[in-house]
Amino acid sequence: MKRITVVDAARGFAVILMVAYHFCFDLNYFGILHQDMNHDRFWLVSRALIVSLFLLLVGISLVLASGTEPLHFWKRQARLLAAALIVTFGSWLMFPKSYIYFGILHFIFVASLIGRPFLNFPQPALASGLFVIASGFYYSNPFFDPPFMNWIGLMTYKPYTEDYVPLFPWMGVVLIGIFTGKLLFERVRPAWVFGDFPSMKIPCRIGRHSLAIYLLHQPILIGIFYLFVSR
């Protein structure tokens, strides 16, 4: 798959914002910063915007990768699944009562499987995406409350976990990303989306290694903070 500078750069900016958010989260966890990151509107909106940017790019990337061999997709899925299991195990060691069982990597793995059939149907993807987002915000039902159904969303409570990205409403963002990718890269094809921007070299490089950075940045940050607070 040919690299698209603007997509890699956007993913790189999302990674930078994510690392900054987690840096503040760790400051709060170690008592250096005192913020209610689970309820304060600023932190909730910041997280939602970062997750939305990542998931919009997931949909766009599915479009860009649609012309590659199926083996490429399944190799990517295998890497995602392995990374998600690593996150679950690592978070269980760190937060045994609130470990991550369906965070953003788990979600991307499932969302990629669901989104793939929509690649040839951009209008239904857009309509479905808007429906999923609206349902996730405005509908809940005790039927979805059992823990084994938490990954769907639509429950009447928020589960106690360090990272939670359910299908409703977030699958809607991926579907809108599919529509956006088809529009920009296959139909309208504006020149700027295929441009080469030397000034974006650093975020592009970061964006091309987003999974590795995602897996490594928190252990590194937490290790540094442990050294700092134990002195």
C-alpha atoms as a PDB file:
ATOM      1  CA  MET A   1       0.000   0.000   0.000  1.00  0.00           C
ATOM      2  CA  LYS A   2       1.377   3.394  -1.019  1.00  0.00           C
ATOM      3  CA  ARG A   3       1.941   5.704   1.928  1.00  0.00           C
ATOM      4  CA  ILE A   4      -0.209   8.835   1.966  1.00  0.00           C
ATOM      5  CA  THR A   5       1.587  11.727   3.656  1.00  0.00           C
ATOM      6  CA  VAL A   6      -1.513  13.483   4.958  1.00  0.00           C
ATOM      7  CA  VAL A   7      -2.860  10.255   6.516  1.00  0.00           C
ATOM      8  CA  ASP A   8       0.446   9.371   8.167  1.00  0.00           C
ATOM      9  CA  ALA A   9       0.780  12.948   9.447  1.00  0.00           C
ATOM     10  CA  ALA A  10      -2.766  12.970  10.849  1.00  0.00           C
ATOM     11  CA  ARG A  11      -2.072   9.669  12.611  1.00  0.00           C
ATOM     12  CA  GLY A  12       1.193  11.101  13.917  1.00  0.00           C
ATOM     13  CA  PHE A  13      -0.594  14.128  15.378  1.00  0.00           C
ATOM     14  CA  ALA A  14      -3.118  11.781  16.982  1.00  0.00           C
ATOM     15  CA  VAL A  15      -0.241   9.820  18.556  1.00  0.00           C
ATOM     16  CA  ILE A  16       1.336  13.039  19.873  1.00  0.00           C
ATOM     17  CA  LEU A  17      -1.982  14.093  21.424  1.00  0.00           C
ATOM     18  CA  MET A  18      -2.438  10.608  22.904  1.00  0.00           C
ATOM     19  CA  VAL A  19       1.016  10.627  24.507  1.00  0.00           C
ATOM     20  CA  ALA A  20       0.357  14.109  25.922  1.00  0.00           C
ATOM     21  CA  TYR A  21      -2.968  12.920  27.355  1.00  0.00           C
ATOM     22  CA  HIS A  22      -1.399   9.834  28.927  1.00  0.00           C
ATOM     23  CA  PHE A  23       1.454  11.974  30.309  1.00  0.00           C
ATOM     24  CA  CYS A  24      -1.162  14.053  32.137  1.00  0.00           C
ATOM     25  CA  PHE A  25      -2.984  10.871  33.184  1.00  0.00           C
ATOM     26  CA  ASP A  26       0.240   9.535  34.712  1.00  0.00           C
ATOM     27  CA  LEU A  27       0.921  12.851  36.458  1.00  0.00           C
ATOM     28  CA  ASN A  28      -2.517  12.517  38.003  1.00  0.00           C
ATOM     29  CA  TYR A  29      -2.029   8.843  38.886  1.00  0.00           C
ATOM     30  CA  PHE A  30       1.216   9.569  40.731  1.00  0.00           C
ATOM     31  CA  GLY A  31      -0.286  12.530  42.595  1.00  0.00           C
ATOM     32  CA  ILE A  32       1.724  15.223  40.815  1.00  0.00           C
ATOM     33  CA  LEU A  33      -1.353  16.601  39.065  1.00  0.00           C
ATOM     34  CA  HIS A  34      -4.783  16.697  40.675  1.00  0.00           C
ATOM     35  CA  GLN A  35      -7.549  16.428  38.086  1.00  0.00           C
ATOM     36  CA  ASP A  36     -10.750  14.401  37.813  1.00  0.00           C
ATOM     37  CA  MET A  37      -9.976  12.888  34.414  1.00  0.00           C
ATOM     38  CA  ASN A  38     -13.003  10.587  34.528  1.00  0.00           C
ATOM     39  CA  HIS A  39     -15.561  13.369  34.953  1.00  0.00           C
ATOM     40  CA  ASP A  40     -14.023  16.745  34.089  1.00  0.00           C
ATOM     41  CA  ARG A  41     -15.427  17.955  30.761  1.00  0.00           C
ATOM     42  CA  PHE A  42     -12.045  19.112  29.436  1.00  0.00           C
ATOM     43  CA  TRP A  43     -10.454  15.679  29.831  1.00  0.00           C
ATOM     44  CA  LEU A  44     -13.530  13.810  28.596  1.00  0.00           C
ATOM     45  CA  VAL A  45     -13.720  15.966  25.458  1.00  0.00           C
ATOM     46  CA  SER A  46      -9.956  15.684  24.898  1.00  0.00           C
ATOM     47  CA  ARG A  47     -10.105  11.890  25.049  1.00  0.00           C
ATOM     48  CA  ALA A  48     -13.152  11.773  22.766  1.00  0.00           C
ATOM     49  CA  LEU A  49     -11.437  13.954  20.147  1.00  0.00           C
ATOM     50  CA  ILE A  50      -8.243  11.867  20.210  1.00  0.00           C
ATOM     51  CA  VAL A  51     -10.156   8.578  19.920  1.00  0.00           C
ATOM     52  CA  SER A  52     -12.346  10.033  17.143  1.00  0.00           C
ATOM     53  CA  LEU A  53      -9.292  11.059  15.113  1.00  0.00           C
ATOM     54  CA  PHE A  54      -7.731   7.612  15.470  1.00  0.00           C
ATOM     55  CA  LEU A  55     -10.926   5.804  14.499  1.00  0.00           C
ATOM     56  CA  LEU A  56     -11.698   8.101  11.567  1.00  0.00           C
ATOM     57  CA  LEU A  57      -8.232   7.176  10.289  1.00  0.00           C
ATOM     58  CA  VAL A  58      -8.984   3.482  10.834  1.00  0.00           C
ATOM     59  CA  GLY A  59     -11.867   3.777   8.375  1.00  0.00           C
ATOM     60  CA  ILE A  60      -9.777   5.764   5.900  1.00  0.00           C
ATOM     61  CA  SER A  61      -6.934   3.254   6.172  1.00  0.00           C
ATOM     62  CA  LEU A  62      -9.310   0.369   5.444  1.00  0.00           C
ATOM     63  CA  VAL A  63     -10.175   2.122   2.173  1.00  0.00           C
ATOM     64  CA  LEU A  64      -6.525   2.729   1.277  1.00  0.00           C
ATOM     65  CA  ALA A  65      -5.631  -0.901   2.021  1.00  0.00           C
ATOM     66  CA  SER A  66      -8.612  -2.363   0.150  1.00  0.00           C
ATOM     67  CA  GLY A  67      -6.583  -2.926  -3.015  1.00  0.00           C
ATOM     68  CA  THR A  68      -3.900  -4.980  -1.272  1.00  0.00           C
ATOM     69  CA  GLU A  69      -3.747  -8.753  -0.950  1.00  0.00           C
ATOM     70  CA  PRO A  70      -6.072 -10.257   1.696  1.00  0.00           C
ATOM     71  CA  LEU A  71      -2.995 -11.632   3.450  1.00  0.00           C
ATOM     72  CA  HIS A  72      -1.931  -8.052   4.239  1.00  0.00           C
ATOM     73  CA  PHE A  73      -5.228  -7.454   6.054  1.00  0.00           C
ATOM     74  CA  TRP A  74      -5.028 -10.663   8.059  1.00  0.00           C
ATOM     75  CA  LYS A  75      -1.408 -10.042   9.053  1.00  0.00           C
ATOM     76  CA  ARG A  76      -2.475  -6.614  10.316  1.00  0.00           C
ATOM     77  CA  GLN A  77      -5.338  -8.229  12.226  1.00  0.00           C
ATOM     78  CA  ALA A  78      -2.958 -10.723  13.815  1.00  0.00           C
ATOM     79  CA  ARG A  79      -0.672  -7.889  14.953  1.00  0.00           C
ATOM     80  CA  LEU A  80      -3.646  -5.995  16.378  1.00  0.00           C
ATOM     81  CA  LEU A  81      -4.905  -9.040  18.276  1.00  0.00           C
ATOM     82  CA  ALA A  82      -1.465  -9.753  19.714  1.00  0.00           C
ATOM     83  CA  ALA A  83      -1.065  -6.113  20.742  1.00  0.00           C
ATOM     84  CA  ALA A  84      -4.539  -6.055  22.326  1.00  0.00           C
ATOM     85  CA  LEU A  85      -3.733  -9.159  24.389  1.00  0.00           C
ATOM     86  CA  ILE A  86      -0.460  -7.554  25.521  1.00  0.00           C
ATOM     87  CA  VAL A  87      -2.398  -4.471  26.657  1.00  0.00           C
ATOM     88  CA  THR A  88      -4.887  -6.629  28.546  1.00  0.00           C
ATOM     89  CA  PHE A  89      -2.127  -8.530  30.338  1.00  0.00           C
ATOM     90  CA  GLY A  90      -0.069  -5.429  31.102  1.00  0.00           C
ATOM     91  CA  SER A  91      -3.061  -3.499  32.402  1.00  0.00           C
ATOM     92  CA  TRP A  92      -4.070  -6.490  34.555  1.00  0.00           C
ATOM     93  CA  LEU A  93      -0.648  -6.371  36.218  1.00  0.00           C
ATOM     94  CA  MET A  94      -0.933  -2.610  36.778  1.00  0.00           C
ATOM     95  CA  PHE A  95      -4.668  -2.277  37.468  1.00  0.00           C
ATOM     96  CA  PRO A  96      -6.014  -5.747  38.426  1.00  0.00           C
ATOM     97  CA  LYS A  97      -9.445  -4.359  39.377  1.00  0.00           C
ATOM     98  CA  SER A  98      -9.879  -2.178  36.281  1.00  0.00           C
ATOM     99  CA  TYR A  99      -7.765  -3.852  33.622  1.00  0.00           C
ATOM    100  CA  ILE A 100      -8.438  -3.184  29.936  1.00  0.00           C
ATOM    101  CA  TYR A 101     -10.532  -5.914  28.340  1.00  0.00           C
ATOM    102  CA  PHE A 102     -12.008  -3.941  25.440  1.00  0.00           C
ATOM    103  CA  GLY A 103      -9.892  -0.870  24.801  1.00  0.00           C
ATOM    104  CA  ILE A 104      -9.029   0.873  21.574  1.00  0.00           C
ATOM    105  CA  LEU A 105      -6.885  -1.945  20.116  1.00  0.00           C
ATOM    106  CA  HIS A 106      -9.530  -4.575  20.857  1.00  0.00           C
ATOM    107  CA  PHE A 107     -12.072  -2.273  19.253  1.00  0.00           C
ATOM    108  CA  ILE A 108      -9.987  -1.634  16.120  1.00  0.00           C
ATOM    109  CA  PHE A 109      -9.547  -5.390  15.663  1.00  0.00           C
ATOM    110  CA  VAL A 110     -13.330  -5.986  15.750  1.00  0.00           C
ATOM    111  CA  ALA A 111     -14.215  -2.774  13.869  1.00  0.00           C
ATOM    112  CA  SER A 112     -11.894  -3.710  11.003  1.00  0.00           C
ATOM    113  CA  LEU A 113     -13.773  -6.985  10.554  1.00  0.00           C
ATOM    114  CA  ILE A 114     -17.146  -5.234  10.646  1.00  0.00           C
ATOM    115  CA  GLY A 115     -16.055  -2.346   8.423  1.00  0.00           C
ATOM    116  CA  ARG A 116     -14.505  -4.431   5.672  1.00  0.00           C
ATOM    117  CA  PRO A 117     -17.853  -5.407   4.032  1.00  0.00           C
ATOM    118  CA  PHE A 118     -18.803  -1.702   3.850  1.00  0.00           C
ATOM    119  CA  LEU A 119     -15.845  -0.780   1.633  1.00  0.00           C
ATOM    120  CA  ASN A 120     -17.905  -1.025  -1.551  1.00  0.00           C
ATOM    121  CA  PHE A 121     -20.915   0.720  -0.028  1.00  0.00           C
ATOM    122  CA  PRO A 122     -19.871   4.205   1.130  1.00  0.00           C
ATOM    123  CA  GLN A 123     -23.379   5.701   1.359  1.00  0.00           C
ATOM    124  CA  PRO A 124     -24.720   2.869   3.545  1.00  0.00           C
ATOM    125  CA  ALA A 125     -21.517   3.204   5.599  1.00  0.00           C
ATOM    126  CA  LEU A 126     -22.275   6.888   6.221  1.00  0.00           C
ATOM    127  CA  ALA A 127     -25.928   6.249   7.081  1.00  0.00           C
ATOM    128  CA  SER A 128     -25.033   3.324   9.346  1.00  0.00           C
ATOM    129  CA  GLY A 129     -22.298   5.356  10.996  1.00  0.00           C
ATOM    130  CA  LEU A 130     -24.658   8.181  11.893  1.00  0.00           C
ATOM    131  CA  PHE A 131     -27.203   5.666  13.204  1.00  0.00           C
ATOM    132  CA  VAL A 132     -24.604   3.888  15.368  1.00  0.00           C
ATOM    133  CA  ILE A 133     -23.360   7.165  16.854  1.00  0.00           C
ATOM    134  CA  ALA A 134     -26.897   8.371  17.615  1.00  0.00           C
ATOM    135  CA  SER A 135     -27.807   4.998  19.143  1.00  0.00           C
ATOM    136  CA  GLY A 136     -24.693   4.983  21.290  1.00  0.00           C
ATOM    137  CA  PHE A 137     -25.481   8.414  22.707  1.00  0.00           C
ATOM    138  CA  TYR A 138     -29.245   8.228  23.103  1.00  0.00           C
ATOM    139  CA  TYR A 139     -30.183   4.578  23.642  1.00  0.00           C
ATOM    140  CA  SER A 140     -29.432   2.177  26.488  1.00  0.00           C
ATOM    141  CA  ASN A 141     -31.068  -1.016  27.686  1.00  0.00           C
ATOM    142  CA  PRO A 142     -30.488  -3.324  30.687  1.00  0.00           C
ATOM    143  CA  PHE A 143     -30.320  -6.204  28.191  1.00  0.00           C
ATOM    144  CA  PHE A 144     -26.763  -5.066  27.403  1.00  0.00           C
ATOM    145  CA  ASP A 145     -25.692  -4.753  31.061  1.00  0.00           C
ATOM    146  CA  PRO A 146     -24.140  -8.243  31.542  1.00  0.00           C
ATOM    147  CA  PRO A 147     -20.324  -8.004  31.529  1.00  0.00           C
ATOM    148  CA  PHE A 148     -19.946 -10.329  28.532  1.00  0.00           C
ATOM    149  CA  MET A 149     -21.904  -7.797  26.444  1.00  0.00           C
ATOM    150  CA  ASN A 150     -19.947  -4.708  27.521  1.00  0.00           C
ATOM    151  CA  TRP A 151     -18.017  -4.661  24.234  1.00  0.00           C
ATOM    152  CA  ILE A 152     -21.232  -3.772  22.382  1.00  0.00           C
ATOM    153  CA  GLY A 153     -22.085  -0.708  24.448  1.00  0.00           C
ATOM    154  CA  LEU A 154     -25.702   0.403  24.994  1.00  0.00           C
ATOM    155  CA  MET A 155     -25.614  -0.655  28.655  1.00  0.00           C
ATOM    156  CA  THR A 156     -27.086   1.519  31.404  1.00  0.00           C
ATOM    157  CA  TYR A 157     -23.767   2.089  33.212  1.00  0.00           C
ATOM    158  CA  LYS A 158     -20.118   2.714  32.425  1.00  0.00           C
ATOM    159  CA  PRO A 159     -17.929  -0.315  33.239  1.00  0.00           C
ATOM    160  CA  TYR A 160     -14.969   0.073  35.574  1.00  0.00           C
ATOM    161  CA  THR A 161     -11.968  -0.239  33.279  1.00  0.00           C
ATOM    162  CA  GLU A 162      -8.972   1.917  32.371  1.00  0.00           C
ATOM    163  CA  ASP A 163      -9.829   2.113  28.661  1.00  0.00           C
ATOM    164  CA  TYR A 164     -13.198   1.392  27.130  1.00  0.00           C
ATOM    165  CA  VAL A 165     -14.129   1.767  23.449  1.00  0.00           C
ATOM    166  CA  PRO A 166     -17.407  -0.084  22.702  1.00  0.00           C
ATOM    167  CA  LEU A 167     -18.953  -0.614  19.275  1.00  0.00           C
ATOM    168  CA  PHE A 168     -21.722   1.877  20.052  1.00  0.00           C
ATOM    169  CA  PRO A 169     -21.039   4.732  19.383  1.00  0.00           C
ATOM    170  CA  TRP A 170     -17.448   4.320  18.162  1.00  0.00           C
ATOM    171  CA  MET A 171     -18.114   1.966  15.245  1.00  0.00           C
ATOM    172  CA  GLY A 172     -19.976   4.869  13.718  1.00  0.00           C
ATOM    173  CA  VAL A 173     -16.777   6.919  13.507  1.00  0.00           C
ATOM    174  CA  VAL A 174     -15.010   4.116  11.620  1.00  0.00           C
ATOM    175  CA  LEU A 175     -17.910   3.843   9.160  1.00  0.00           C
ATOM    176  CA  ILE A 176     -17.832   7.596   8.562  1.00  0.00           C
ATOM    177  CA  GLY A 177     -14.083   7.209   8.017  1.00  0.00           C
ATOM    178  CA  ILE A 178     -14.810   4.634   5.307  1.00  0.00           C
ATOM    179  CA  PHE A 179     -17.172   7.081   3.594  1.00  0.00           C
ATOM    180  CA  THR A 180     -14.584   9.866   3.936  1.00  0.00           C
ATOM    181  CA  GLY A 181     -11.810   7.688   2.535  1.00  0.00           C
ATOM    182  CA  LYS A 182     -13.870   6.655  -0.476  1.00  0.00           C
ATOM    183  CA  LEU A 183     -14.856  10.280  -1.117  1.00  0.00           C
ATOM    184  CA  LEU A 184     -11.375  11.780  -0.825  1.00  0.00           C
ATOM    185  CA  PHE A 185      -9.177   9.065  -2.284  1.00  0.00           C
ATOM    186  CA  GLU A 186     -11.371   7.450  -4.917  1.00  0.00           C
ATOM    187  CA  ARG A 187     -14.024   9.943  -6.022  1.00  0.00           C
ATOM    188  CA  VAL A 188     -13.125  13.609  -5.500  1.00  0.00           C
ATOM    189  CA  ARG A 189      -9.359  13.012  -5.241  1.00  0.00           C
ATOM    190  CA  PRO A 190      -8.297  16.590  -4.372  1.00  0.00           C
ATOM    191  CA  ALA A 191      -4.619  17.237  -5.065  1.00  0.00           C
ATOM    192  CA  TRP A 192      -3.797  18.094  -1.455  1.00  0.00           C
ATOM    193  CA  VAL A 193      -4.589  14.597  -0.146  1.00  0.00           C
ATOM    194  CA  PHE A 194      -1.853  13.163  -2.376  1.00  0.00           C
ATOM    195  CA  GLY A 195       0.640  15.958  -1.720  1.00  0.00           C
ATOM    196  CA  ASP A 196       4.089  15.511  -0.264  1.00  0.00           C
ATOM    197  CA  PHE A 197       4.612  17.849   2.691  1.00  0.00           C
ATOM    198  CA  PRO A 198       8.254  18.004   3.856  1.00  0.00           C
ATOM    199  CA  SER A 199       7.232  20.003   6.934  1.00  0.00           C
ATOM    200  CA  MET A 200       5.255  16.970   8.151  1.00  0.00           C
ATOM    201  CA  LYS A 201       8.246  14.649   8.140  1.00  0.00           C
ATOM    202  CA  ILE A 202       8.307  14.139  11.917  1.00  0.00           C
ATOM    203  CA  PRO A 203       4.568  13.480  12.448  1.00  0.00           C
ATOM    204  CA  CYS A 204       4.621  11.219   9.370  1.00  0.00           C
ATOM    205  CA  ARG A 205       7.399   9.128  10.854  1.00  0.00           C
ATOM    206  CA  ILE A 206       5.538   8.923  14.147  1.00  0.00           C
ATOM    207  CA  GLY A 207       2.321   7.958  12.357  1.00  0.00           C
ATOM    208  CA  ARG A 208       4.023   5.103  10.530  1.00  0.00           C
ATOM    209  CA  HIS A 209       5.031   3.540  13.847  1.00  0.00           C
ATOM    210  CA  SER A 210       1.844   4.288  15.782  1.00  0.00           C
ATOM    211  CA  LEU A 211       1.241   0.758  17.069  1.00  0.00           C
ATOM    212  CA  ALA A 212       4.754   0.370  18.471  1.00  0.00           C
ATOM    213  CA  ILE A 213       4.567   3.792  20.099  1.00  0.00           C
ATOM    214  CA  TYR A 214       1.164   2.975  21.568  1.00  0.00           C
ATOM    215  CA  LEU A 215       2.507  -0.199  23.167  1.00  0.00           C
ATOM    216  CA  LEU A 216       5.750   1.309  24.465  1.00  0.00           C
ATOM    217  CA  HIS A 217       4.982   4.855  25.547  1.00  0.00           C
ATOM    218  CA  GLN A 218       3.041   4.053  28.721  1.00  0.00           C
ATOM    219  CA  PRO A 219       5.560   1.525  30.139  1.00  0.00           C
ATOM    220  CA  ILE A 220       8.299   4.082  29.477  1.00  0.00           C
ATOM    221  CA  LEU A 221       6.368   6.975  31.038  1.00  0.00           C
ATOM    222  CA  ILE A 222       5.285   4.919  34.050  1.00  0.00           C
ATOM    223  CA  GLY A 223       8.859   3.676  34.552  1.00  0.00           C
ATOM    224  CA  ILE A 224      10.156   7.254  34.526  1.00  0.00           C
ATOM    225  CA  PHE A 225       7.507   8.378  36.998  1.00  0.00           C
ATOM    226  CA  TYR A 226       8.263   5.452  39.304  1.00  0.00           C
ATOM    227  CA  LEU A 227      11.921   6.492  39.338  1.00  0.00           C
ATOM    228  CA  PHE A 228      10.940  10.096  39.968  1.00  0.00           C
ATOM    229  CA  VAL A 229       8.513   9.496  42.873  1.00  0.00           C
ATOM    230  CA  SER A 230      10.705   6.864  44.555  1.00  0.00           C
ATOM    231  CA  ARG A 231      13.682   9.209  44.944  1.00  0.00           C
END
